[in-house]
Amino acid sequence: MMTNCLALMGNMSWLGWLIPLAILSLLGLGTAALLKYLFTSAKSATGASS
């Protein structure tokens, strides 16, 4: 499976390496944004009573 994937990426030139990296970076940024939203909204909800 890994060999087939690497062969396909090699046939696509630089685009075959750019697309998976872009998808992984977007997933990482989305996860980081979600975690930041969850943790900052939890802190502001507890401190909003004052």
Protein backbone atom coordinates (compact mmCIF):
# COMPACT_ATOMS: atom_id res chain seq x y z
CA MET A 1 0.00 0.00 0.00
CA MET A 2 2.73 2.44 0.95
CA THR A 3 4.71 1.55 -2.17
CA ASN A 4 1.71 2.26 -4.41
CA CYS A 5 1.10 5.57 -2.70
CA LEU A 6 4.72 6.68 -3.04
CA ALA A 7 4.78 5.59 -6.69
CA LEU A 8 1.65 7.64 -7.40
CA MET A 9 3.11 10.65 -5.62
CA GLY A 10 6.32 10.28 -7.58
CA ASN A 11 4.44 10.21 -10.89
CA MET A 12 2.62 13.44 -10.07
CA SER A 13 5.87 15.41 -9.64
CA TRP A 14 5.79 18.24 -7.07
CA LEU A 15 1.98 18.33 -6.93
CA GLY A 16 1.91 14.81 -5.50
CA TRP A 17 3.95 15.99 -2.52
CA LEU A 18 2.27 19.38 -2.14
CA ILE A 19 -1.32 18.16 -1.84
CA PRO A 20 -0.78 15.73 1.11
CA LEU A 21 1.34 18.31 2.93
CA ALA A 22 -1.32 20.97 2.40
CA ILE A 23 -4.07 18.67 3.66
CA LEU A 24 -2.07 17.69 6.74
CA SER A 25 -1.21 21.28 7.55
CA LEU A 26 -4.84 22.37 7.18
CA LEU A 27 -5.94 19.53 9.46
CA GLY A 28 -3.32 20.56 11.99
CA LEU A 29 -4.38 24.20 11.87
CA GLY A 30 -8.03 23.24 12.21
CA THR A 31 -7.28 21.07 15.22
CA ALA A 32 -5.24 23.82 16.84
CA ALA A 33 -8.00 26.36 16.24
CA LEU A 34 -10.61 24.01 17.69
CA LEU A 35 -8.54 23.35 20.79
CA LYS A 36 -7.87 27.06 21.25
CA TYR A 37 -11.57 27.82 20.92
CA LEU A 38 -12.53 25.11 23.41
CA PHE A 39 -9.99 26.14 26.03
CA THR A 40 -10.46 29.89 25.72
CA SER A 41 -14.26 29.68 25.78
CA ALA A 42 -14.11 27.48 28.89
CA LYS A 43 -11.93 30.04 30.69
CA SER A 44 -14.06 33.02 29.70
CA ALA A 45 -17.27 31.28 30.76
CA THR A 46 -15.97 30.70 34.28
CA GLY A 47 -14.54 34.22 34.65
CA ALA A 48 -17.57 36.05 33.25
CA SER A 49 -19.48 36.11 36.55
CA SER A 50 -17.54 39.10 37.93
